[in-house]
Amino acid sequence: MYAIVEIAGQQFKVEKDQKIFVHRLEQKEGESVEFENVLLIDDDGKVKIGKPNVKGAKITAKVIRDDVRGDKVKVFKKKRRKGYQKLNGHRQNFTQLEIEAISL
C-alpha cells in the first residue's frame, strides 16, 4: 500500500515505515503529524484518485529529527564582459519524518 501526499508544497510517494526528508515543519522531535492532502492511494491494485484529494484519507507521521540540513548548493552569477561575478551558497533546512500509518 502506498500513497501520494502533498507535504509543504511538494508531492511524495510514501509507504508505511518509510523515512523521508521534507522542508522544515513547525513540529518538534517526537511529535505526531497528520497530512490530509492525499492525492492518490493504491491498496494492492485498488487505486483511488482524489479530485483533488481522496476524501477521508490521511497520513500519520512521526517527526524523527527537525534539525537536518541539506547539502550546500552553490549559486554562481556572472555577466559576461562586465567583470561581474557573484558566488552565493545555500543550505536548506529539512525535517525527517517516519510514516506510521496510511488510513482511508
PDB file of N, CA and C in Angstrom:
ATOM      1  N   MET A   1       0.838  -1.170   0.000  1.00  0.00           N
ATOM      2  CA  MET A   1       0.000   0.000   0.000  1.00  0.00           C
ATOM      3  C   MET A   1       0.887   1.239   0.000  1.00  0.00           C
ATOM      4  N   TYR A   2       0.610   2.156  -0.907  1.00  0.00           N
ATOM      5  CA  TYR A   2       1.340   3.411  -0.937  1.00  0.00           C
ATOM      6  C   TYR A   2       0.371   4.545  -1.233  1.00  0.00           C
ATOM      7  N   ALA A   3       0.837   5.760  -1.003  1.00  0.00           N
ATOM      8  CA  ALA A   3       0.009   6.937  -1.236  1.00  0.00           C
ATOM      9  C   ALA A   3       0.881   8.064  -1.777  1.00  0.00           C
ATOM     10  N   ILE A   4       0.257   8.942  -2.536  1.00  0.00           N
ATOM     11  CA  ILE A   4       0.895  10.168  -2.983  1.00  0.00           C
ATOM     12  C   ILE A   4       0.290  11.284  -2.139  1.00  0.00           C
ATOM     13  N   VAL A   5       1.134  12.006  -1.412  1.00  0.00           N
ATOM     14  CA  VAL A   5       0.656  13.029  -0.476  1.00  0.00           C
ATOM     15  C   VAL A   5       1.420  14.323  -0.716  1.00  0.00           C
ATOM     16  N   GLU A   6       0.733  15.444  -0.503  1.00  0.00           N
ATOM     17  CA  GLU A   6       1.377  16.746  -0.635  1.00  0.00           C
ATOM     18  C   GLU A   6       1.767  17.242   0.750  1.00  0.00           C
ATOM     19  N   ILE A   7       3.072  17.463   0.930  1.00  0.00           N
ATOM     20  CA  ILE A   7       3.613  17.934   2.202  1.00  0.00           C
ATOM     21  C   ILE A   7       4.463  19.168   1.916  1.00  0.00           C
ATOM     22  N   ALA A   8       4.112  20.280   2.525  1.00  0.00           N
ATOM     23  CA  ALA A   8       4.874  21.535   2.411  1.00  0.00           C
ATOM     24  C   ALA A   8       5.089  21.935   0.950  1.00  0.00           C
ATOM     25  N   GLY A   9       4.058  21.757   0.113  1.00  0.00           N
ATOM     26  CA  GLY A   9       4.135  22.188  -1.276  1.00  0.00           C
ATOM     27  C   GLY A   9       4.789  21.212  -2.222  1.00  0.00           C
ATOM     28  N   GLN A  10       5.226  20.054  -1.744  1.00  0.00           N
ATOM     29  CA  GLN A  10       5.836  19.049  -2.609  1.00  0.00           C
ATOM     30  C   GLN A  10       5.070  17.746  -2.494  1.00  0.00           C
ATOM     31  N   GLN A  11       5.096  16.952  -3.565  1.00  0.00           N
ATOM     32  CA  GLN A  11       4.409  15.668  -3.570  1.00  0.00           C
ATOM     33  C   GLN A  11       5.403  14.546  -3.300  1.00  0.00           C
ATOM     34  N   PHE A  12       4.995  13.599  -2.436  1.00  0.00           N
ATOM     35  CA  PHE A  12       5.844  12.475  -2.070  1.00  0.00           C
ATOM     36  C   PHE A  12       5.060  11.180  -2.210  1.00  0.00           C
ATOM     37  N   LYS A  13       5.738  10.123  -2.685  1.00  0.00           N
ATOM     38  CA  LYS A  13       5.179   8.783  -2.679  1.00  0.00           C
ATOM     39  C   LYS A  13       5.639   8.134  -1.382  1.00  0.00           C
ATOM     40  N   VAL A  14       4.686   7.773  -0.512  1.00  0.00           N
ATOM     41  CA  VAL A  14       5.043   7.266   0.810  1.00  0.00           C
ATOM     42  C   VAL A  14       4.432   5.896   1.042  1.00  0.00           C
ATOM     43  N   GLU A  15       5.130   5.100   1.854  1.00  0.00           N
ATOM     44  CA  GLU A  15       4.660   3.792   2.299  1.00  0.00           C
ATOM     45  C   GLU A  15       4.833   3.728   3.805  1.00  0.00           C
ATOM     46  N   LYS A  16       4.195   2.760   4.430  1.00  0.00           N
ATOM     47  CA  LYS A  16       4.299   2.607   5.882  1.00  0.00           C
ATOM     48  C   LYS A  16       5.740   2.294   6.266  1.00  0.00           C
ATOM     49  N   ASP A  17       6.207   2.867   7.366  1.00  0.00           N
ATOM     50  CA  ASP A  17       7.562   2.698   7.917  1.00  0.00           C
ATOM     51  C   ASP A  17       8.661   3.291   7.043  1.00  0.00           C
ATOM     52  N   GLN A  18       8.315   4.135   6.085  1.00  0.00           N
ATOM     53  CA  GLN A  18       9.307   4.801   5.243  1.00  0.00           C
ATOM     54  C   GLN A  18       9.764   6.091   5.925  1.00  0.00           C
ATOM     55  N   LYS A  19      11.033   6.432   5.754  1.00  0.00           N
ATOM     56  CA  LYS A  19      11.570   7.675   6.294  1.00  0.00           C
ATOM     57  C   LYS A  19      11.841   8.628   5.140  1.00  0.00           C
ATOM     58  N   ILE A  20      11.355   9.868   5.272  1.00  0.00           N
ATOM     59  CA  ILE A  20      11.523  10.861   4.208  1.00  0.00           C
ATOM     60  C   ILE A  20      11.993  12.178   4.807  1.00  0.00           C
ATOM     61  N   PHE A  21      12.607  12.994   3.964  1.00  0.00           N
ATOM     62  CA  PHE A  21      13.006  14.346   4.336  1.00  0.00           C
ATOM     63  C   PHE A  21      12.078  15.321   3.636  1.00  0.00           C
ATOM     64  N   VAL A  22      11.469  16.234   4.389  1.00  0.00           N
ATOM     65  CA  VAL A  22      10.594  17.264   3.834  1.00  0.00           C
ATOM     66  C   VAL A  22      11.119  18.622   4.290  1.00  0.00           C
ATOM     67  N   HIS A  23      10.643  19.679   3.625  1.00  0.00           N
ATOM     68  CA  HIS A  23      11.038  21.019   4.050  1.00  0.00           C
ATOM     69  C   HIS A  23      10.614  21.247   5.486  1.00  0.00           C
ATOM     70  N   ARG A  24      11.314  22.085   6.189  1.00  0.00           N
ATOM     71  CA  ARG A  24      11.161  22.310   7.633  1.00  0.00           C
ATOM     72  C   ARG A  24       9.701  22.509   8.023  1.00  0.00           C
ATOM     73  N   LEU A  25       9.261  21.708   8.999  1.00  0.00           N
ATOM     74  CA  LEU A  25       7.929  21.823   9.584  1.00  0.00           C
ATOM     75  C   LEU A  25       8.046  22.418  10.982  1.00  0.00           C
ATOM     76  N   GLU A  26       6.930  22.899  11.528  1.00  0.00           N
ATOM     77  CA  GLU A  26       6.938  23.550  12.843  1.00  0.00           C
ATOM     78  C   GLU A  26       7.013  22.561  13.999  1.00  0.00           C
ATOM     79  N   GLN A  27       6.654  21.304  13.796  1.00  0.00           N
ATOM     80  CA  GLN A  27       6.618  20.317  14.870  1.00  0.00           C
ATOM     81  C   GLN A  27       8.028  19.978  15.351  1.00  0.00           C
ATOM     82  N   LYS A  28       8.117  19.591  16.614  1.00  0.00           N
ATOM     83  CA  LYS A  28       9.394  19.228  17.220  1.00  0.00           C
ATOM     84  C   LYS A  28       9.578  17.712  17.195  1.00  0.00           C
ATOM     85  N   GLU A  29      10.771  17.263  17.592  1.00  0.00           N
ATOM     86  CA  GLU A  29      11.092  15.837  17.594  1.00  0.00           C
ATOM     87  C   GLU A  29      10.151  15.069  18.508  1.00  0.00           C
ATOM     88  N   GLY A  30       9.687  13.918  18.028  1.00  0.00           N
ATOM     89  CA  GLY A  30       8.809  13.055  18.815  1.00  0.00           C
ATOM     90  C   GLY A  30       7.330  13.354  18.632  1.00  0.00           C
ATOM     91  N   GLU A  31       6.975  14.493  18.063  1.00  0.00           N
ATOM     92  CA  GLU A  31       5.568  14.832  17.864  1.00  0.00           C
ATOM     93  C   GLU A  31       5.003  14.086  16.664  1.00  0.00           C
ATOM     94  N   SER A  32       3.686  13.941  16.676  1.00  0.00           N
ATOM     95  CA  SER A  32       2.986  13.274  15.580  1.00  0.00           C
ATOM     96  C   SER A  32       2.349  14.320  14.672  1.00  0.00           C
ATOM     97  N   VAL A  33       2.291  14.005  13.373  1.00  0.00           N
ATOM     98  CA  VAL A  33       1.765  14.932  12.374  1.00  0.00           C
ATOM     99  C   VAL A  33       0.793  14.175  11.483  1.00  0.00           C
ATOM    100  N   GLU A  34      -0.298  14.829  11.078  1.00  0.00           N
ATOM    101  CA  GLU A  34      -1.259  14.234  10.145  1.00  0.00           C
ATOM    102  C   GLU A  34      -1.333  15.095   8.887  1.00  0.00           C
ATOM    103  N   PHE A  35      -1.368  14.437   7.753  1.00  0.00           N
ATOM    104  CA  PHE A  35      -1.489  15.116   6.467  1.00  0.00           C
ATOM    105  C   PHE A  35      -2.763  14.630   5.791  1.00  0.00           C
ATOM    106  N   GLU A  36      -3.606  15.567   5.361  1.00  0.00           N
ATOM    107  CA  GLU A  36      -4.875  15.208   4.738  1.00  0.00           C
ATOM    108  C   GLU A  36      -4.906  15.512   3.247  1.00  0.00           C
ATOM    109  N   ASN A  37      -3.819  16.064   2.696  1.00  0.00           N
ATOM    110  CA  ASN A  37      -3.750  16.330   1.262  1.00  0.00           C
ATOM    111  C   ASN A  37      -3.267  15.082   0.530  1.00  0.00           C
ATOM    112  N   VAL A  38      -4.058  14.012   0.613  1.00  0.00           N
ATOM    113  CA  VAL A  38      -3.715  12.751  -0.043  1.00  0.00           C
ATOM    114  C   VAL A  38      -4.295  12.781  -1.449  1.00  0.00           C
ATOM    115  N   LEU A  39      -3.436  12.683  -2.454  1.00  0.00           N
ATOM    116  CA  LEU A  39      -3.860  12.803  -3.840  1.00  0.00           C
ATOM    117  C   LEU A  39      -4.218  11.456  -4.460  1.00  0.00           C
ATOM    118  N   LEU A  40      -3.581  10.369  -4.004  1.00  0.00           N
ATOM    119  CA  LEU A  40      -3.807   9.049  -4.584  1.00  0.00           C
ATOM    120  C   LEU A  40      -3.460   7.994  -3.541  1.00  0.00           C
ATOM    121  N   ILE A  41      -4.237   6.907  -3.537  1.00  0.00           N
ATOM    122  CA  ILE A  41      -3.933   5.762  -2.677  1.00  0.00           C
ATOM    123  C   ILE A  41      -4.037   4.499  -3.517  1.00  0.00           C
ATOM    124  N   ASP A  42      -3.008   3.648  -3.419  1.00  0.00           N
ATOM    125  CA  ASP A  42      -3.002   2.351  -4.092  1.00  0.00           C
ATOM    126  C   ASP A  42      -2.981   1.278  -3.008  1.00  0.00           C
ATOM    127  N   ASP A  43      -4.087   0.525  -2.894  1.00  0.00           N
ATOM    128  CA  ASP A  43      -4.212  -0.530  -1.890  1.00  0.00           C
ATOM    129  C   ASP A  43      -4.229  -1.874  -2.609  1.00  0.00           C
ATOM    130  N   ASP A  44      -3.046  -2.413  -2.885  1.00  0.00           N
ATOM    131  CA  ASP A  44      -2.885  -3.701  -3.582  1.00  0.00           C
ATOM    132  C   ASP A  44      -3.652  -3.757  -4.900  1.00  0.00           C
ATOM    133  N   GLY A  45      -3.446  -2.740  -5.723  1.00  0.00           N
ATOM    134  CA  GLY A  45      -4.070  -2.703  -7.041  1.00  0.00           C
ATOM    135  C   GLY A  45      -5.368  -1.922  -7.104  1.00  0.00           C
ATOM    136  N   LYS A  46      -5.981  -1.623  -5.976  1.00  0.00           N
ATOM    137  CA  LYS A  46      -7.189  -0.803  -5.941  1.00  0.00           C
ATOM    138  C   LYS A  46      -6.772   0.643  -5.794  1.00  0.00           C
ATOM    139  N   VAL A  47      -6.846   1.381  -6.887  1.00  0.00           N
ATOM    140  CA  VAL A  47      -6.356   2.754  -6.907  1.00  0.00           C
ATOM    141  C   VAL A  47      -7.518   3.722  -6.690  1.00  0.00           C
ATOM    142  N   LYS A  48      -7.337   4.641  -5.753  1.00  0.00           N
ATOM    143  CA  LYS A  48      -8.311   5.711  -5.517  1.00  0.00           C
ATOM    144  C   LYS A  48      -7.619   7.030  -5.811  1.00  0.00           C
ATOM    145  N   ILE A  49      -8.195   7.776  -6.747  1.00  0.00           N
ATOM    146  CA  ILE A  49      -7.627   9.054  -7.155  1.00  0.00           C
ATOM    147  C   ILE A  49      -8.529  10.162  -6.638  1.00  0.00           C
ATOM    148  N   GLY A  50      -7.956  11.159  -6.018  1.00  0.00           N
ATOM    149  CA  GLY A  50      -8.723  12.264  -5.468  1.00  0.00           C
ATOM    150  C   GLY A  50      -9.015  13.332  -6.495  1.00  0.00           C
ATOM    151  N   LYS A  51     -10.053  14.122  -6.195  1.00  0.00           N
ATOM    152  CA  LYS A  51     -10.429  15.229  -7.079  1.00  0.00           C
ATOM    153  C   LYS A  51     -10.614  16.478  -6.249  1.00  0.00           C
ATOM    154  N   PRO A  52      -9.632  17.173  -5.754  1.00  0.00           N
ATOM    155  CA  PRO A  52      -8.196  16.925  -5.843  1.00  0.00           C
ATOM    156  C   PRO A  52      -7.673  15.996  -4.759  1.00  0.00           C
ATOM    157  N   ASN A  53      -8.413  15.826  -3.627  1.00  0.00           N
ATOM    158  CA  ASN A  53      -7.940  14.971  -2.536  1.00  0.00           C
ATOM    159  C   ASN A  53      -8.871  13.779  -2.357  1.00  0.00           C
ATOM    160  N   VAL A  54      -8.317  12.672  -1.850  1.00  0.00           N
ATOM    161  CA  VAL A  54      -9.120  11.497  -1.529  1.00  0.00           C
ATOM    162  C   VAL A  54      -9.859  11.794  -0.228  1.00  0.00           C
ATOM    163  N   LYS A  55     -11.183  11.678  -0.257  1.00  0.00           N
ATOM    164  CA  LYS A  55     -11.992  12.010   0.919  1.00  0.00           C
ATOM    165  C   LYS A  55     -11.777  10.991   2.027  1.00  0.00           C
ATOM    166  N   GLY A  56     -11.558  11.487   3.245  1.00  0.00           N
ATOM    167  CA  GLY A  56     -11.405  10.636   4.406  1.00  0.00           C
ATOM    168  C   GLY A  56     -10.039   9.996   4.569  1.00  0.00           C
ATOM    169  N   ALA A  57      -9.131  10.248   3.654  1.00  0.00           N
ATOM    170  CA  ALA A  57      -7.800   9.639   3.738  1.00  0.00           C
ATOM    171  C   ALA A  57      -6.847  10.573   4.472  1.00  0.00           C
ATOM    172  N   LYS A  58      -5.970   9.992   5.269  1.00  0.00           N
ATOM    173  CA  LYS A  58      -4.943  10.791   5.920  1.00  0.00           C
ATOM    174  C   LYS A  58      -3.707   9.949   6.202  1.00  0.00           C
ATOM    175  N   ILE A  59      -2.597  10.632   6.307  1.00  0.00           N
ATOM    176  CA  ILE A  59      -1.303  10.023   6.563  1.00  0.00           C
ATOM    177  C   ILE A  59      -0.859  10.481   7.948  1.00  0.00           C
ATOM    178  N   THR A  60      -0.449   9.540   8.768  1.00  0.00           N
ATOM    179  CA  THR A  60       0.064   9.858  10.095  1.00  0.00           C
ATOM    180  C   THR A  60       1.568   9.607  10.096  1.00  0.00           C
ATOM    181  N   ALA A  61       2.322  10.607  10.564  1.00  0.00           N
ATOM    182  CA  ALA A  61       3.781  10.504  10.575  1.00  0.00           C
ATOM    183  C   ALA A  61       4.315  11.009  11.908  1.00  0.00           C
ATOM    184  N   LYS A  62       5.531  10.571  12.221  1.00  0.00           N
ATOM    185  CA  LYS A  62       6.200  10.990  13.452  1.00  0.00           C
ATOM    186  C   LYS A  62       7.484  11.722  13.075  1.00  0.00           C
ATOM    187  N   VAL A  63       7.745  12.829  13.736  1.00  0.00           N
ATOM    188  CA  VAL A  63       8.951  13.612  13.477  1.00  0.00           C
ATOM    189  C   VAL A  63      10.126  12.932  14.176  1.00  0.00           C
ATOM    190  N   ILE A  64      11.114  12.527  13.383  1.00  0.00           N
ATOM    191  CA  ILE A  64      12.302  11.882  13.937  1.00  0.00           C
ATOM    192  C   ILE A  64      13.350  12.941  14.293  1.00  0.00           C
ATOM    193  N   ARG A  65      13.652  13.806  13.328  1.00  0.00           N
ATOM    194  CA  ARG A  65      14.613  14.893  13.552  1.00  0.00           C
ATOM    195  C   ARG A  65      14.071  16.150  12.897  1.00  0.00           C
ATOM    196  N   ASP A  66      14.303  17.291  13.546  1.00  0.00           N
ATOM    197  CA  ASP A  66      13.826  18.545  12.961  1.00  0.00           C
ATOM    198  C   ASP A  66      14.958  19.536  12.718  1.00  0.00           C
ATOM    199  N   ASP A  67      16.201  19.074  12.771  1.00  0.00           N
ATOM    200  CA  ASP A  67      17.339  19.973  12.603  1.00  0.00           C
ATOM    201  C   ASP A  67      18.294  19.519  11.507  1.00  0.00           C
ATOM    202  N   VAL A  68      17.778  18.850  10.504  1.00  0.00           N
ATOM    203  CA  VAL A  68      18.611  18.309   9.430  1.00  0.00           C
ATOM    204  C   VAL A  68      18.884  19.417   8.416  1.00  0.00           C
ATOM    205  N   ARG A  69      20.121  19.501   7.969  1.00  0.00           N
ATOM    206  CA  ARG A  69      20.476  20.476   6.940  1.00  0.00           C
ATOM    207  C   ARG A  69      20.925  19.731   5.695  1.00  0.00           C
ATOM    208  N   GLY A  70      20.506  20.233   4.556  1.00  0.00           N
ATOM    209  CA  GLY A  70      20.859  19.607   3.290  1.00  0.00           C
ATOM    210  C   GLY A  70      22.265  19.979   2.847  1.00  0.00           C
ATOM    211  N   ASP A  71      22.662  19.437   1.705  1.00  0.00           N
ATOM    212  CA  ASP A  71      23.971  19.746   1.139  1.00  0.00           C
ATOM    213  C   ASP A  71      24.000  21.200   0.679  1.00  0.00           C
ATOM    214  N   LYS A  72      25.201  21.770   0.655  1.00  0.00           N
ATOM    215  CA  LYS A  72      25.344  23.150   0.215  1.00  0.00           C
ATOM    216  C   LYS A  72      25.160  23.229  -1.299  1.00  0.00           C
ATOM    217  N   VAL A  73      24.346  24.184  -1.720  1.00  0.00           N
ATOM    218  CA  VAL A  73      24.121  24.450  -3.129  1.00  0.00           C
ATOM    219  C   VAL A  73      24.815  25.766  -3.442  1.00  0.00           C
ATOM    220  N   LYS A  74      25.691  25.758  -4.427  1.00  0.00           N
ATOM    221  CA  LYS A  74      26.393  26.978  -4.810  1.00  0.00           C
ATOM    222  C   LYS A  74      25.655  27.650  -5.951  1.00  0.00           C
ATOM    223  N   VAL A  75      25.377  28.935  -5.772  1.00  0.00           N
ATOM    224  CA  VAL A  75      24.710  29.735  -6.795  1.00  0.00           C
ATOM    225  C   VAL A  75      25.744  30.705  -7.342  1.00  0.00           C
ATOM    226  N   PHE A  76      26.057  30.588  -8.629  1.00  0.00           N
ATOM    227  CA  PHE A  76      27.077  31.429  -9.256  1.00  0.00           C
ATOM    228  C   PHE A  76      26.424  32.262 -10.331  1.00  0.00           C
ATOM    229  N   LYS A  77      26.599  33.579 -10.210  1.00  0.00           N
ATOM    230  CA  LYS A  77      26.041  34.505 -11.203  1.00  0.00           C
ATOM    231  C   LYS A  77      27.192  35.229 -11.890  1.00  0.00           C
ATOM    232  N   LYS A  78      27.043  35.431 -13.193  1.00  0.00           N
ATOM    233  CA  LYS A  78      28.075  36.115 -13.952  1.00  0.00           C
ATOM    234  C   LYS A  78      27.443  36.833 -15.129  1.00  0.00           C
ATOM    235  N   LYS A  79      27.943  38.025 -15.403  1.00  0.00           N
ATOM    236  CA  LYS A  79      27.552  38.736 -16.618  1.00  0.00           C
ATOM    237  C   LYS A  79      28.803  38.863 -17.480  1.00  0.00           C
ATOM    238  N   ARG A  80      28.727  38.355 -18.652  1.00  0.00           N
ATOM    239  CA  ARG A  80      29.930  38.308 -19.475  1.00  0.00           C
ATOM    240  C   ARG A  80      30.365  39.709 -19.927  1.00  0.00           C
ATOM    241  N   ARG A  81      31.637  39.857 -20.019  1.00  0.00           N
ATOM    242  CA  ARG A  81      32.307  41.084 -20.465  1.00  0.00           C
ATOM    243  C   ARG A  81      32.010  42.287 -19.572  1.00  0.00           C
ATOM    244  N   LYS A  82      31.497  42.102 -18.377  1.00  0.00           N
ATOM    245  CA  LYS A  82      31.210  43.220 -17.482  1.00  0.00           C
ATOM    246  C   LYS A  82      32.049  43.165 -16.208  1.00  0.00           C
ATOM    247  N   GLY A  83      32.736  42.063 -15.975  1.00  0.00           N
ATOM    248  CA  GLY A  83      33.537  41.944 -14.772  1.00  0.00           C
ATOM    249  C   GLY A  83      32.705  41.658 -13.535  1.00  0.00           C
ATOM    250  N   TYR A  84      31.481  41.179 -13.731  1.00  0.00           N
ATOM    251  CA  TYR A  84      30.588  40.915 -12.603  1.00  0.00           C
ATOM    252  C   TYR A  84      30.529  39.419 -12.326  1.00  0.00           C
ATOM    253  N   GLN A  85      30.900  39.037 -11.112  1.00  0.00           N
ATOM    254  CA  GLN A  85      30.779  37.651 -10.667  1.00  0.00           C
ATOM    255  C   GLN A  85      30.300  37.660  -9.226  1.00  0.00           C
ATOM    256  N   LYS A  86      29.404  36.727  -8.905  1.00  0.00           N
ATOM    257  CA  LYS A  86      28.918  36.627  -7.537  1.00  0.00           C
ATOM    258  C   LYS A  86      28.717  35.158  -7.200  1.00  0.00           C
ATOM    259  N   LEU A  87      29.233  34.730  -6.050  1.00  0.00           N
ATOM    260  CA  LEU A  87      29.088  33.356  -5.589  1.00  0.00           C
ATOM    261  C   LEU A  87      28.316  33.385  -4.279  1.00  0.00           C
ATOM    262  N   ASN A  88      27.279  32.586  -4.201  1.00  0.00           N
ATOM    263  CA  ASN A  88      26.433  32.532  -3.012  1.00  0.00           C
ATOM    264  C   ASN A  88      26.164  31.066  -2.692  1.00  0.00           C
ATOM    265  N   GLY A  89      26.102  30.736  -1.419  1.00  0.00           N
ATOM    266  CA  GLY A  89      25.819  29.368  -1.007  1.00  0.00           C
ATOM    267  C   GLY A  89      24.519  29.305  -0.231  1.00  0.00           C
ATOM    268  N   HIS A  90      23.892  28.127  -0.239  1.00  0.00           N
ATOM    269  CA  HIS A  90      22.616  27.948   0.458  1.00  0.00           C
ATOM    270  C   HIS A  90      22.528  26.524   0.980  1.00  0.00           C
ATOM    271  N   ARG A  91      22.043  26.369   2.229  1.00  0.00           N
ATOM    272  CA  ARG A  91      21.767  25.045   2.806  1.00  0.00           C
ATOM    273  C   ARG A  91      20.328  25.045   3.280  1.00  0.00           C
ATOM    274  N   GLN A  92      19.523  24.144   2.748  1.00  0.00           N
ATOM    275  CA  GLN A  92      18.108  24.058   3.088  1.00  0.00           C
ATOM    276  C   GLN A  92      17.922  23.293   4.399  1.00  0.00           C
ATOM    277  N   ASN A  93      16.980  23.732   5.225  1.00  0.00           N
ATOM    278  CA  ASN A  93      16.629  23.037   6.458  1.00  0.00           C
ATOM    279  C   ASN A  93      15.550  22.001   6.168  1.00  0.00           C
ATOM    280  N   PHE A  94      15.702  20.801   6.729  1.00  0.00           N
ATOM    281  CA  PHE A  94      14.760  19.727   6.499  1.00  0.00           C
ATOM    282  C   PHE A  94      14.256  19.157   7.821  1.00  0.00           C
ATOM    283  N   THR A  95      13.128  18.441   7.735  1.00  0.00           N
ATOM    284  CA  THR A  95      12.593  17.670   8.845  1.00  0.00           C
ATOM    285  C   THR A  95      12.514  16.231   8.373  1.00  0.00           C
ATOM    286  N   GLN A  96      12.978  15.292   9.192  1.00  0.00           N
ATOM    287  CA  GLN A  96      12.905  13.874   8.833  1.00  0.00           C
ATOM    288  C   GLN A  96      11.660  13.278   9.470  1.00  0.00           C
ATOM    289  N   LEU A  97      10.829  12.628   8.646  1.00  0.00           N
ATOM    290  CA  LEU A  97       9.588  12.016   9.094  1.00  0.00           C
ATOM    291  C   LEU A  97       9.645  10.507   8.892  1.00  0.00           C
ATOM    292  N   GLU A  98       8.940   9.797   9.765  1.00  0.00           N
ATOM    293  CA  GLU A  98       8.713   8.362   9.574  1.00  0.00           C
ATOM    294  C   GLU A  98       7.212   8.162   9.443  1.00  0.00           C
ATOM    295  N   ILE A  99       6.785   7.557   8.327  1.00  0.00           N
ATOM    296  CA  ILE A  99       5.365   7.337   8.069  1.00  0.00           C
ATOM    297  C   ILE A  99       4.890   6.195   8.958  1.00  0.00           C
ATOM    298  N   GLU A 100       3.882   6.476   9.807  1.00  0.00           N
ATOM    299  CA  GLU A 100       3.367   5.469  10.719  1.00  0.00           C
ATOM    300  C   GLU A 100       2.152   4.737  10.174  1.00  0.00           C
ATOM    301  N   ALA A 101       1.248   5.458   9.487  1.00  0.00           N
ATOM    302  CA  ALA A 101       0.025   4.812   9.017  1.00  0.00           C
ATOM    303  C   ALA A 101      -0.539   5.555   7.824  1.00  0.00           C
ATOM    304  N   ILE A 102      -1.200   4.786   6.947  1.00  0.00           N
ATOM    305  CA  ILE A 102      -1.976   5.328   5.836  1.00  0.00           C
ATOM    306  C   ILE A 102      -3.396   4.827   6.039  1.00  0.00           C
ATOM    307  N   SER A 103      -4.303   5.746   6.297  1.00  0.00           N
ATOM    308  CA  SER A 103      -5.688   5.332   6.598  1.00  0.00           C
ATOM    309  C   SER A 103      -6.647   5.905   5.573  1.00  0.00           C
ATOM    310  N   LEU A 104      -7.705   5.133   5.312  1.00  0.00           N
ATOM    311  CA  LEU A 104      -8.740   5.556   4.358  1.00  0.00           C
ATOM    312  C   LEU A 104      -9.933   6.108   5.084  1.00  0.00           C
TER     313      LEU A 104
END
